[in-house]
Structures are given as structure tokens and as C-alpha cells.
N, C-alpha and C. Protein backbone atom coordinates (compact mmCIF):
# COMPACT_ATOMS: atom_id res chain seq x y z
N MET A 1 22.67 131.21 101.09
CA MET A 1 22.54 130.26 102.12
C MET A 1 21.29 130.56 102.94
N ILE A 2 20.53 129.56 103.28
CA ILE A 2 19.35 129.69 104.07
C ILE A 2 19.63 129.47 105.51
N ARG A 3 19.30 130.41 106.34
CA ARG A 3 19.53 130.24 107.79
C ARG A 3 18.18 130.45 108.45
N ALA A 4 17.82 129.58 109.37
CA ALA A 4 16.61 129.78 110.14
C ALA A 4 16.89 129.25 111.54
N SER A 5 16.01 129.56 112.46
CA SER A 5 16.18 129.20 113.80
C SER A 5 15.67 127.83 114.21
N SER A 6 14.83 127.19 113.32
CA SER A 6 14.34 125.90 113.60
C SER A 6 14.35 125.05 112.34
N PRO A 7 14.24 123.77 112.44
CA PRO A 7 14.16 122.89 111.26
C PRO A 7 12.87 123.24 110.44
N GLU A 8 11.75 123.51 111.13
CA GLU A 8 10.55 123.90 110.45
C GLU A 8 10.76 125.16 109.59
N GLN A 9 11.34 126.15 110.24
CA GLN A 9 11.59 127.42 109.50
C GLN A 9 12.57 127.15 108.30
N THR A 10 13.55 126.31 108.51
CA THR A 10 14.49 125.99 107.44
C THR A 10 13.78 125.33 106.32
N ALA A 11 12.92 124.32 106.64
CA ALA A 11 12.14 123.63 105.57
C ALA A 11 11.25 124.66 104.85
N SER A 12 10.58 125.46 105.54
CA SER A 12 9.66 126.51 104.87
C SER A 12 10.48 127.41 103.97
N ALA A 13 11.63 127.86 104.45
CA ALA A 13 12.42 128.71 103.57
C ALA A 13 12.93 127.95 102.34
N ILE A 14 13.34 126.70 102.42
CA ILE A 14 13.82 126.00 101.31
C ILE A 14 12.63 125.75 100.32
N LEU A 15 11.48 125.35 100.79
CA LEU A 15 10.31 125.14 99.95
C LEU A 15 10.03 126.47 99.20
N LYS A 16 10.03 127.58 99.88
CA LYS A 16 9.68 128.91 99.27
C LYS A 16 10.71 129.18 98.28
N SER A 17 11.99 129.01 98.56
CA SER A 17 13.07 129.33 97.61
C SER A 17 13.01 128.58 96.33
N LEU A 18 12.47 127.36 96.42
CA LEU A 18 12.25 126.45 95.23
C LEU A 18 10.94 126.58 94.58
N GLY A 19 10.12 127.51 95.07
CA GLY A 19 8.82 127.77 94.43
C GLY A 19 7.75 126.73 94.76
N CYS A 20 7.94 125.99 95.84
CA CYS A 20 7.06 124.92 96.21
C CYS A 20 6.04 125.26 97.26
N GLY A 21 6.11 126.53 97.77
CA GLY A 21 5.14 126.95 98.83
C GLY A 21 5.25 125.96 99.99
N GLN A 22 4.09 125.63 100.51
CA GLN A 22 4.06 124.63 101.67
C GLN A 22 2.99 123.60 101.46
N PRO A 23 3.12 122.83 100.32
CA PRO A 23 2.11 121.81 100.01
C PRO A 23 2.28 120.64 100.98
N ILE A 24 1.17 119.95 101.18
CA ILE A 24 1.21 118.74 101.93
C ILE A 24 0.49 117.69 101.13
N PRO A 25 1.21 116.60 100.75
CA PRO A 25 2.52 116.26 101.19
C PRO A 25 3.58 117.06 100.37
N VAL A 26 4.76 117.14 100.96
CA VAL A 26 5.84 117.85 100.22
C VAL A 26 6.19 117.08 99.03
N PRO A 27 6.32 117.74 97.86
CA PRO A 27 6.69 117.07 96.59
C PRO A 27 8.13 116.66 96.52
N LEU A 28 8.48 115.63 97.17
CA LEU A 28 9.96 115.27 97.32
C LEU A 28 10.59 115.09 95.95
N GLY A 29 9.86 114.39 95.04
CA GLY A 29 10.39 114.18 93.69
C GLY A 29 10.75 115.53 92.99
N ASP A 30 9.90 116.48 93.12
CA ASP A 30 10.06 117.72 92.41
C ASP A 30 11.21 118.43 93.08
N LEU A 31 11.28 118.43 94.41
CA LEU A 31 12.35 119.05 95.06
C LEU A 31 13.78 118.48 94.70
N CYS A 32 13.81 117.16 94.73
CA CYS A 32 15.02 116.48 94.30
C CYS A 32 15.44 116.84 92.88
N THR A 33 14.48 116.87 91.92
CA THR A 33 14.75 117.24 90.56
C THR A 33 15.32 118.67 90.55
N LYS A 34 14.69 119.56 91.21
CA LYS A 34 15.10 121.05 91.18
C LYS A 34 16.55 121.18 91.74
N LEU A 35 16.87 120.31 92.68
CA LEU A 35 18.16 120.41 93.35
C LEU A 35 19.27 119.54 92.62
N GLY A 36 18.87 118.84 91.50
CA GLY A 36 19.82 118.09 90.80
C GLY A 36 20.12 116.81 91.46
N ILE A 37 19.10 116.20 92.18
CA ILE A 37 19.37 114.92 92.94
C ILE A 37 18.54 113.79 92.34
N ASP A 38 19.19 112.74 91.93
CA ASP A 38 18.49 111.54 91.49
C ASP A 38 18.12 110.67 92.69
N VAL A 39 16.94 110.04 92.65
CA VAL A 39 16.59 109.11 93.76
C VAL A 39 16.38 107.73 93.05
N LEU A 40 17.24 106.83 93.57
CA LEU A 40 17.21 105.49 92.98
C LEU A 40 16.99 104.38 94.07
N GLN A 41 16.24 103.31 93.63
CA GLN A 41 16.10 102.21 94.57
C GLN A 41 17.35 101.32 94.44
N ALA A 42 17.81 100.84 95.50
CA ALA A 42 19.03 99.99 95.52
C ALA A 42 18.93 98.79 96.57
N ARG A 43 19.75 97.92 96.35
CA ARG A 43 19.88 96.78 97.27
C ARG A 43 21.16 97.03 98.05
N PHE A 44 21.10 97.00 99.37
CA PHE A 44 22.29 97.18 100.20
C PHE A 44 22.84 95.82 100.72
N LYS A 45 24.19 95.77 100.95
CA LYS A 45 24.72 94.61 101.52
C LYS A 45 24.18 94.29 102.87
N ASP A 46 23.83 95.34 103.61
CA ASP A 46 23.21 95.23 104.94
C ASP A 46 21.71 95.73 104.73
N ASP A 47 20.76 94.80 104.86
CA ASP A 47 19.38 95.20 104.56
C ASP A 47 18.80 96.06 105.61
N ASN A 48 19.52 96.34 106.74
CA ASN A 48 19.05 97.24 107.72
C ASN A 48 19.29 98.72 107.35
N ILE A 49 20.09 98.90 106.37
CA ILE A 49 20.38 100.22 105.90
C ILE A 49 19.19 100.74 105.09
N SER A 50 18.68 101.91 105.36
CA SER A 50 17.46 102.41 104.74
C SER A 50 17.86 103.25 103.47
N GLY A 51 19.03 103.98 103.52
CA GLY A 51 19.45 104.70 102.39
C GLY A 51 20.70 105.47 102.64
N MET A 52 21.14 106.19 101.58
CA MET A 52 22.35 106.98 101.68
C MET A 52 22.38 108.03 100.56
N ILE A 53 23.17 108.94 100.63
CA ILE A 53 23.33 109.99 99.64
C ILE A 53 24.81 110.06 99.19
N ARG A 54 25.00 110.30 97.94
CA ARG A 54 26.39 110.52 97.41
C ARG A 54 26.38 111.75 96.50
N ARG A 55 27.42 112.55 96.63
CA ARG A 55 27.63 113.67 95.71
C ARG A 55 28.65 113.16 94.69
N MET A 56 28.28 113.43 93.38
CA MET A 56 29.12 112.98 92.32
C MET A 56 30.12 114.15 91.96
N ASP A 57 31.10 113.78 91.20
CA ASP A 57 32.17 114.74 90.88
C ASP A 57 31.59 116.00 90.12
N ASP A 58 30.49 115.78 89.31
CA ASP A 58 29.90 116.82 88.57
C ASP A 58 28.98 117.75 89.36
N GLY A 59 28.84 117.42 90.72
CA GLY A 59 28.08 118.30 91.62
C GLY A 59 26.66 117.74 91.87
N HIS A 60 26.14 116.91 91.02
CA HIS A 60 24.79 116.47 91.32
C HIS A 60 24.90 115.27 92.38
N ALA A 61 23.83 114.88 92.90
CA ALA A 61 23.83 113.94 93.98
C ALA A 61 22.88 112.78 93.69
N ILE A 62 23.01 111.71 94.34
CA ILE A 62 22.20 110.52 94.16
C ILE A 62 21.76 110.09 95.56
N ILE A 63 20.47 109.93 95.78
CA ILE A 63 19.84 109.35 96.98
C ILE A 63 19.56 107.92 96.63
N TYR A 64 20.08 107.03 97.41
CA TYR A 64 19.76 105.52 97.24
C TYR A 64 18.85 105.15 98.36
N VAL A 65 17.72 104.58 98.08
CA VAL A 65 16.83 104.06 99.06
C VAL A 65 16.67 102.57 98.97
N ASN A 66 16.54 101.89 100.08
CA ASN A 66 16.53 100.41 100.10
C ASN A 66 15.22 99.92 99.45
N ARG A 67 15.35 99.23 98.29
CA ARG A 67 14.19 98.75 97.54
C ARG A 67 13.38 97.71 98.26
N ASN A 68 13.93 97.20 99.30
CA ASN A 68 13.24 96.12 100.00
C ASN A 68 12.34 96.69 101.08
N GLN A 69 12.31 98.01 101.26
CA GLN A 69 11.49 98.63 102.32
C GLN A 69 10.24 99.24 101.71
N SER A 70 9.30 99.42 102.49
CA SER A 70 7.93 99.92 102.06
C SER A 70 8.06 101.29 101.47
N PRO A 71 6.98 101.65 100.51
CA PRO A 71 7.10 102.94 99.90
C PRO A 71 7.03 104.08 100.92
N ALA A 72 6.35 103.93 102.02
CA ALA A 72 6.37 104.96 103.06
C ALA A 72 7.71 105.10 103.72
N ARG A 73 8.41 103.99 103.96
CA ARG A 73 9.79 104.14 104.45
C ARG A 73 10.70 104.71 103.47
N GLN A 74 10.59 104.35 102.18
CA GLN A 74 11.42 104.93 101.16
C GLN A 74 11.21 106.48 101.11
N ARG A 75 10.02 106.92 101.26
CA ARG A 75 9.73 108.31 101.21
C ARG A 75 10.41 109.05 102.37
N PHE A 76 10.25 108.44 103.62
CA PHE A 76 10.89 108.92 104.77
C PHE A 76 12.36 109.05 104.57
N THR A 77 12.92 107.97 104.05
CA THR A 77 14.40 107.98 103.78
C THR A 77 14.85 109.00 102.77
N THR A 78 14.11 109.21 101.74
CA THR A 78 14.42 110.26 100.84
C THR A 78 14.41 111.65 101.43
N ALA A 79 13.44 111.86 102.29
CA ALA A 79 13.37 113.18 102.99
C ALA A 79 14.54 113.32 103.92
N HIS A 80 14.84 112.25 104.66
CA HIS A 80 15.93 112.19 105.59
C HIS A 80 17.24 112.60 104.78
N GLU A 81 17.52 111.84 103.76
CA GLU A 81 18.76 112.08 102.96
C GLU A 81 18.76 113.50 102.30
N LEU A 82 17.63 113.89 101.88
CA LEU A 82 17.56 115.33 101.36
C LEU A 82 17.94 116.29 102.43
N GLY A 83 17.55 116.01 103.68
CA GLY A 83 17.96 116.91 104.77
C GLY A 83 19.49 116.86 104.93
N HIS A 84 20.04 115.70 104.90
CA HIS A 84 21.52 115.71 104.91
C HIS A 84 22.21 116.62 103.76
N PHE A 85 21.59 116.42 102.65
CA PHE A 85 22.08 117.25 101.47
C PHE A 85 22.00 118.73 101.74
N LEU A 86 20.78 119.20 102.35
CA LEU A 86 20.57 120.63 102.53
C LEU A 86 21.35 121.16 103.72
N LEU A 87 21.39 120.34 104.81
CA LEU A 87 21.98 120.84 106.01
C LEU A 87 23.48 120.60 106.15
N HIS A 88 23.98 119.56 105.41
CA HIS A 88 25.39 119.21 105.55
C HIS A 88 26.04 119.19 104.16
N LEU A 89 25.72 120.20 103.44
CA LEU A 89 26.17 120.24 101.97
C LEU A 89 27.61 119.94 101.76
N ARG A 90 28.49 120.55 102.61
CA ARG A 90 29.90 120.43 102.37
C ARG A 90 30.46 119.02 102.79
N SER A 91 29.73 118.30 103.62
CA SER A 91 30.18 117.03 104.01
C SER A 91 29.62 115.84 103.25
N THR A 92 28.74 116.14 102.26
CA THR A 92 28.17 115.11 101.38
C THR A 92 29.17 114.97 100.26
N ASP A 93 29.72 113.81 100.02
CA ASP A 93 30.69 113.65 98.97
C ASP A 93 30.37 112.34 98.29
N LYS A 94 31.26 112.08 97.22
CA LYS A 94 30.95 110.86 96.52
C LYS A 94 31.17 109.59 97.20
N GLU A 95 31.74 109.57 98.44
CA GLU A 95 31.93 108.45 99.28
C GLU A 95 30.65 108.11 100.06
N GLY A 96 29.71 109.08 100.13
CA GLY A 96 28.51 108.79 100.86
C GLY A 96 28.69 109.16 102.31
N LEU A 97 27.55 109.27 102.95
CA LEU A 97 27.62 109.63 104.44
C LEU A 97 27.55 108.41 105.30
N ILE A 98 27.29 107.27 104.80
CA ILE A 98 27.22 106.10 105.59
C ILE A 98 28.16 105.05 105.07
N GLU A 99 29.28 104.90 105.74
CA GLU A 99 30.39 104.05 105.32
C GLU A 99 29.89 102.51 105.12
N ARG A 100 29.06 102.07 105.98
CA ARG A 100 28.65 100.68 105.93
C ARG A 100 27.53 100.51 104.98
N GLY A 101 27.03 101.50 104.26
CA GLY A 101 25.97 101.41 103.34
C GLY A 101 26.30 101.05 101.91
N ASP A 102 27.36 100.23 101.78
CA ASP A 102 27.71 99.81 100.41
C ASP A 102 26.54 99.18 99.67
N ILE A 103 26.44 99.64 98.41
CA ILE A 103 25.38 99.10 97.55
C ILE A 103 25.82 97.90 96.82
N GLN A 104 24.97 96.86 96.71
CA GLN A 104 25.31 95.68 95.96
C GLN A 104 25.07 95.96 94.53
N GLU A 105 25.85 95.44 93.70
CA GLU A 105 25.79 95.66 92.20
C GLU A 105 24.74 94.57 91.72
């Protein structure tokens, strides 16, 4: 478990533990792949939802980002949901962290 006194130190420790150093911009796709997280674009019932994360029964996770939002916003949302995954690992489950973020099929 990684413990640090600030979000910045936590992020640096996570990047280092995954062999990513401290590149700018952070390679979110590579980080998600190394952590077993798929990132998918989705359409939400409420278009104001930017994204959500779900942990599957097999332990991997899926980050869903709102496909109607800009690429910059999708990147921010991916990073935000990755933060939930890393900082709230035990509370991330297959039901997702945002109850109202139901995905439209």
C-alpha cells in the first residue's frame, strides 16, 4: 500500500511504482493498462455525468467516460476516476461509485 502525506506525493509514488517516472503529460492509458483498468466511452442517461468506475467480479475495473464531452474533459475524467480507484480501492465495486450514472445501452 502506498501512503504519502499529500496527493502530489501519492501520485509520484504511484507513478514510480508502475515504472512511469514523472512524465508530463501522465500516460493515463499506460497506467490504466498496467492496473487492469479498461477505459471506454459511454453514453449516460444524464448527459451531465462525466464518468464513473466499476470494479468487475474478476477484479479488473472499467472507467466509463461521457463520449459527448471533449477529449480534454474525458482525459480529466479518466484521471479523476483513476484517483477513485487508487485512493478508494475497497469502495469501488461493480455497482459503480455514482448511483445516478447509469449507462445507456
